[in-house]
Amino acid sequence: MSRVAALNDRRLALLIRGWAPFVLVLVAYELMRDAASALGMPPHDLARLDRTIFDGYEPTLVLQAAVGKVADADVFEDLGSLIYATHFLLPIAVGVWLWVTDRGAFRRFGLTLVVLCALAFVTYVLAPTTPPWLAQPSSVRHLIEDTIQRSGVPSSLIWLYSHRDYNLYAAFPSLHAGFPVVAAVAAWRQSRRVGVLLWVWAIIVWVVVVYLGEHYVGDVIGGIAYATIAVAIVRALDSRSLRRNHLAMAGAPTGTTSE
């Protein structure tokens, strides 16, 4: 019986240690929420960047105007809001899949998310940015708010959402854009089919967050770039670790390098 208990304790410790990065991301997000305002960092609006990229046009306004002309525009708003809400569900789902199939891939995936969020959180503190719906309330509709208001959700829950103390000035880089990139890269190494599906999902998310007025295209580009950097950092660390292990197994000092 003691062996069974010891085995269960070992499995529990492995589970806690493996999933700790995901918990760390959530805790870190809460801790840095008010850091920018406490440091007196003014928020920036990246609307000018989008207008520069798209010859004077803002994709958010173009998309909202185009969809607004469709008879069942509410359906697009509801679907977009639902996709937006999967932000934390996607990494958890991919994490569970990798945990079952490849613990090494799971570890790399979790570490990549931590590196991505660390880079993003530092940016949020030092250079906070405003989402389109907050920067331009007279022209950009806050579609998620509209969806919630007509959803039939109890008023108490709507009040809770409206008064949620989350970081409003964390638009660049867009983690909504970055998380799918990390997930797609991790999945691609395990299954090409799943990888393709997640890359298609990533593109959908990029368009949706711009349409909803939650992010500028510049924020999305930033999220993709930060995710790419995070993937590169973790791969470099992983390669260095493998090289050190090979040298150790060969009996060479770990500090030496081959020429």
Protein backbone atom coordinates (compact mmCIF):
# COMPACT_ATOMS: atom_id res chain seq x y z
CA MET A 1 0.00 0.00 0.00
CA SER A 2 2.88 2.35 0.77
CA ARG A 3 4.26 1.79 -2.72
CA VAL A 4 0.93 2.78 -4.23
CA ALA A 5 0.82 5.91 -2.09
CA ALA A 6 4.39 6.79 -3.06
CA LEU A 7 3.56 6.29 -6.73
CA ASN A 8 0.49 8.51 -6.42
CA ASP A 9 2.52 11.18 -4.65
CA ARG A 10 5.12 11.03 -7.41
CA ARG A 11 2.44 11.38 -10.08
CA LEU A 12 0.88 14.32 -8.25
CA ALA A 13 4.24 16.07 -7.92
CA LEU A 14 4.89 15.49 -11.64
CA LEU A 15 1.47 16.90 -12.51
CA ILE A 16 1.95 20.00 -10.36
CA ARG A 17 5.46 20.62 -11.67
CA GLY A 18 4.39 20.11 -15.28
CA TRP A 19 1.42 22.45 -15.16
CA ALA A 20 3.10 25.07 -12.98
CA PRO A 21 4.00 27.28 -16.01
CA PHE A 22 0.33 27.71 -16.88
CA VAL A 23 -0.49 28.75 -13.32
CA LEU A 24 2.55 31.05 -13.33
CA VAL A 25 1.23 32.85 -16.41
CA LEU A 26 -2.14 33.53 -14.76
CA VAL A 27 -0.58 34.70 -11.49
CA ALA A 28 1.93 36.93 -13.29
CA TYR A 29 -0.87 38.53 -15.33
CA GLU A 30 -2.72 39.44 -12.15
CA LEU A 31 0.42 40.82 -10.49
CA MET A 32 1.37 43.11 -13.39
CA ARG A 33 -2.16 44.37 -13.99
CA ASP A 34 -1.73 47.76 -12.29
CA ALA A 35 2.05 48.06 -12.64
CA ALA A 36 1.98 50.50 -15.58
CA SER A 37 -0.37 52.93 -13.86
CA ALA A 38 1.61 52.65 -10.63
CA LEU A 39 4.75 53.65 -12.53
CA GLY A 40 2.93 56.50 -14.26
CA MET A 41 3.39 55.10 -17.77
CA PRO A 42 0.94 56.77 -20.20
CA PRO A 43 -0.95 54.46 -22.60
CA HIS A 44 -0.32 54.73 -26.34
CA ASP A 45 -2.74 54.43 -29.26
CA LEU A 46 -1.46 52.53 -32.31
CA ALA A 47 -4.21 53.67 -34.68
CA ARG A 48 -1.69 55.75 -36.62
CA LEU A 49 0.42 52.65 -37.27
CA ASP A 50 -2.55 50.85 -38.80
CA ARG A 51 -3.41 53.86 -40.95
CA THR A 52 0.21 54.01 -42.12
CA ILE A 53 0.23 50.33 -43.05
CA PHE A 54 -3.13 50.44 -44.84
CA ASP A 55 -2.84 53.77 -46.66
CA GLY A 56 -5.06 55.77 -44.34
CA TYR A 57 -7.60 53.03 -43.58
CA GLU A 58 -8.17 51.28 -40.26
CA PRO A 59 -8.99 47.58 -40.74
CA THR A 60 -11.17 47.53 -37.62
CA LEU A 61 -13.45 50.25 -39.00
CA VAL A 62 -13.49 48.64 -42.45
CA LEU A 63 -14.41 45.21 -41.08
CA GLN A 64 -17.07 46.52 -38.72
CA ALA A 65 -18.65 48.61 -41.47
CA ALA A 66 -18.62 45.70 -43.94
CA VAL A 67 -20.13 43.17 -41.52
CA GLY A 68 -22.63 45.76 -40.30
CA LYS A 69 -24.21 45.77 -43.75
CA VAL A 70 -24.98 42.04 -43.54
CA ALA A 71 -28.52 41.15 -42.52
CA ASP A 72 -27.45 38.77 -39.74
CA ALA A 73 -24.50 40.80 -38.46
CA ASP A 74 -25.30 39.74 -34.89
CA VAL A 75 -24.30 36.18 -35.78
CA PHE A 76 -20.81 37.35 -36.78
CA GLU A 77 -20.52 39.33 -33.56
CA ASP A 78 -21.60 36.33 -31.46
CA LEU A 79 -19.24 33.93 -33.27
CA GLY A 80 -16.39 36.41 -33.01
CA SER A 81 -16.97 36.89 -29.29
CA LEU A 82 -17.07 33.12 -28.80
CA ILE A 83 -13.76 32.69 -30.64
CA TYR A 84 -12.25 35.51 -28.59
CA ALA A 85 -13.34 33.75 -25.39
CA THR A 86 -11.27 30.65 -26.22
CA HIS A 87 -8.08 32.56 -25.44
CA PHE A 88 -7.04 30.49 -22.41
CA LEU A 89 -8.88 27.33 -23.47
CA LEU A 90 -6.68 26.72 -26.52
CA PRO A 91 -3.33 26.46 -24.69
CA ILE A 92 -4.93 24.27 -22.03
CA ALA A 93 -6.40 21.92 -24.67
CA VAL A 94 -3.10 21.71 -26.55
CA GLY A 95 -1.28 21.27 -23.26
CA VAL A 96 -3.46 18.31 -22.27
CA TRP A 97 -2.88 16.71 -25.68
CA LEU A 98 0.90 17.13 -25.42
CA TRP A 99 0.91 15.94 -21.80
CA VAL A 100 -0.63 12.67 -22.94
CA THR A 101 1.43 12.21 -26.11
CA ASP A 102 4.86 13.76 -25.48
CA ARG A 103 6.05 15.13 -22.14
CA GLY A 104 9.10 16.74 -23.72
CA ALA A 105 6.94 18.64 -26.20
CA PHE A 106 4.64 19.61 -23.33
CA ARG A 107 7.57 21.03 -21.38
CA ARG A 108 8.77 23.06 -24.37
CA PHE A 109 5.24 24.29 -25.01
CA GLY A 110 4.76 25.46 -21.42
CA LEU A 111 8.17 27.14 -21.34
CA THR A 112 7.45 28.92 -24.64
CA LEU A 113 4.20 30.31 -23.23
CA VAL A 114 6.04 31.57 -20.15
CA VAL A 115 8.73 33.27 -22.27
CA LEU A 116 6.08 34.83 -24.54
CA CYS A 117 4.09 36.14 -21.60
CA ALA A 118 7.20 37.43 -19.86
CA LEU A 119 8.16 39.46 -22.94
CA ALA A 120 4.59 40.70 -23.32
CA PHE A 121 4.13 41.60 -19.65
CA VAL A 122 7.31 43.69 -19.63
CA THR A 123 5.99 45.54 -22.67
CA TYR A 124 2.61 46.10 -21.02
CA VAL A 125 4.32 47.71 -18.05
CA LEU A 126 6.87 49.84 -19.90
CA ALA A 127 4.78 50.74 -22.97
CA PRO A 128 1.05 50.22 -22.28
CA THR A 129 -1.24 50.47 -25.30
CA THR A 130 -4.96 51.09 -25.75
CA PRO A 131 -7.34 48.78 -27.66
CA PRO A 132 -9.32 50.38 -30.53
CA TRP A 133 -12.67 50.30 -28.74
CA LEU A 134 -11.24 52.27 -25.81
CA ALA A 135 -9.08 54.63 -27.87
CA GLN A 136 -11.87 55.49 -30.35
CA PRO A 137 -15.21 54.94 -28.59
CA SER A 138 -17.05 57.24 -30.99
CA SER A 139 -16.12 55.25 -34.09
CA VAL A 140 -15.16 51.71 -33.00
CA ARG A 141 -17.94 49.57 -31.59
CA HIS A 142 -17.15 47.39 -28.59
CA LEU A 143 -18.77 44.31 -30.11
CA ILE A 144 -18.09 41.96 -27.20
CA GLU A 145 -19.97 44.31 -24.92
CA ASP A 146 -22.86 44.38 -27.40
CA THR A 147 -22.89 40.58 -27.56
CA ILE A 148 -23.01 40.24 -23.79
CA GLN A 149 -25.79 42.80 -23.45
CA ARG A 150 -28.13 40.93 -25.81
CA SER A 151 -27.10 37.43 -24.73
CA GLY A 152 -29.70 37.09 -22.00
CA VAL A 153 -27.00 36.57 -19.38
CA PRO A 154 -28.22 37.49 -15.85
CA SER A 155 -27.62 41.14 -15.03
CA SER A 156 -25.47 40.19 -12.04
CA LEU A 157 -22.99 38.42 -14.35
CA ILE A 158 -22.99 41.36 -16.76
CA TRP A 159 -22.20 43.66 -13.86
CA LEU A 160 -19.37 41.35 -12.80
CA TYR A 161 -17.88 41.44 -16.31
CA SER A 162 -18.26 45.21 -16.63
CA HIS A 163 -16.55 45.79 -13.28
CA ARG A 164 -13.81 43.21 -13.73
CA ASP A 165 -10.52 44.83 -12.76
CA TYR A 166 -8.40 43.66 -15.69
CA ASN A 167 -5.63 45.45 -17.56
CA LEU A 168 -7.23 47.65 -20.22
CA TYR A 169 -3.89 48.81 -21.60
CA ALA A 170 -2.38 45.52 -22.72
CA ALA A 171 -3.15 45.59 -26.44
CA PHE A 172 0.40 45.34 -27.82
CA PRO A 173 1.53 42.68 -28.30
CA SER A 174 -1.69 40.73 -28.72
CA LEU A 175 -1.48 37.48 -26.78
CA HIS A 176 -4.69 36.49 -28.54
CA ALA A 177 -2.53 36.49 -31.68
CA GLY A 178 0.55 34.99 -30.04
CA PHE A 179 -0.95 32.01 -28.19
CA PRO A 180 -2.30 30.35 -31.39
CA VAL A 181 1.13 30.69 -32.99
CA VAL A 182 2.81 28.88 -30.09
CA ALA A 183 0.09 26.22 -30.15
CA ALA A 184 0.36 25.72 -33.93
CA VAL A 185 4.16 25.44 -33.82
CA ALA A 186 3.99 22.89 -31.00
CA ALA A 187 1.28 20.88 -32.76
CA TRP A 188 3.07 20.95 -36.12
CA ARG A 189 6.02 19.02 -34.65
CA GLN A 190 3.62 16.29 -33.43
CA SER A 191 1.03 16.11 -36.21
CA ARG A 192 0.97 17.96 -39.52
CA ARG A 193 -2.82 17.64 -39.69
CA VAL A 194 -3.37 19.19 -36.26
CA GLY A 195 -0.73 21.79 -37.04
CA VAL A 196 -2.52 22.89 -40.22
CA LEU A 197 -5.84 23.12 -38.35
CA LEU A 198 -4.28 25.29 -35.66
CA TRP A 199 -2.60 27.56 -38.22
CA VAL A 200 -6.01 28.07 -39.87
CA TRP A 201 -7.44 28.77 -36.41
CA ALA A 202 -4.66 31.29 -35.75
CA ILE A 203 -5.54 33.23 -38.92
CA ILE A 204 -9.21 33.25 -37.93
CA VAL A 205 -8.31 34.61 -34.49
CA TRP A 206 -6.12 37.34 -36.00
CA VAL A 207 -9.01 38.59 -38.14
CA VAL A 208 -11.56 38.27 -35.32
CA VAL A 209 -9.65 40.32 -32.74
CA VAL A 210 -9.27 43.15 -35.25
CA TYR A 211 -12.94 42.97 -36.26
CA LEU A 212 -14.11 43.02 -32.63
CA GLY A 213 -12.11 46.19 -31.98
CA GLU A 214 -9.97 44.50 -29.34
CA HIS A 215 -6.70 44.88 -31.24
CA TYR A 216 -5.15 46.82 -34.10
CA VAL A 217 -3.37 44.94 -36.86
CA GLY A 218 -0.16 46.32 -35.37
CA ASP A 219 -0.99 44.53 -32.12
CA VAL A 220 -1.52 41.27 -34.02
CA ILE A 221 1.80 41.65 -35.85
CA GLY A 222 3.44 42.28 -32.50
CA GLY A 223 1.85 39.15 -31.02
CA ILE A 224 3.08 37.02 -33.92
CA ALA A 225 6.58 38.52 -33.66
CA TYR A 226 6.80 38.01 -29.89
CA ALA A 227 5.59 34.42 -30.25
CA THR A 228 8.22 33.77 -32.91
CA ILE A 229 10.92 35.18 -30.63
CA ALA A 230 9.69 33.03 -27.73
CA VAL A 231 9.76 29.89 -29.90
CA ALA A 232 13.30 30.72 -31.05
CA ILE A 233 14.51 31.31 -27.47
CA VAL A 234 13.12 28.01 -26.22
CA ARG A 235 14.52 26.09 -29.19
CA ALA A 236 17.94 27.64 -28.57
CA LEU A 237 17.77 26.69 -24.89
CA ASP A 238 16.64 23.19 -25.80
CA SER A 239 19.46 22.75 -28.32
CA ARG A 240 22.00 23.99 -25.80
CA SER A 241 20.66 21.55 -23.19
CA LEU A 242 20.85 18.64 -25.63
CA ARG A 243 24.40 19.58 -26.61
CA ARG A 244 25.47 19.72 -22.96
CA ASN A 245 23.90 16.32 -22.33
CA HIS A 246 25.69 14.80 -25.32
CA LEU A 247 29.01 16.21 -24.14
CA ALA A 248 28.40 14.92 -20.63
CA MET A 249 27.55 11.44 -21.93
CA ALA A 250 30.68 11.48 -24.05
CA GLY A 251 32.75 12.26 -20.99
CA ALA A 252 33.77 15.76 -22.15
CA PRO A 253 33.62 18.77 -19.82
CA THR A 254 30.23 20.53 -20.19
CA GLY A 255 31.90 23.89 -20.67
CA THR A 256 33.74 22.84 -23.82
CA THR A 257 32.43 23.39 -27.34
CA SER A 258 33.29 21.62 -30.56
CA GLU A 259 34.84 23.51 -33.47
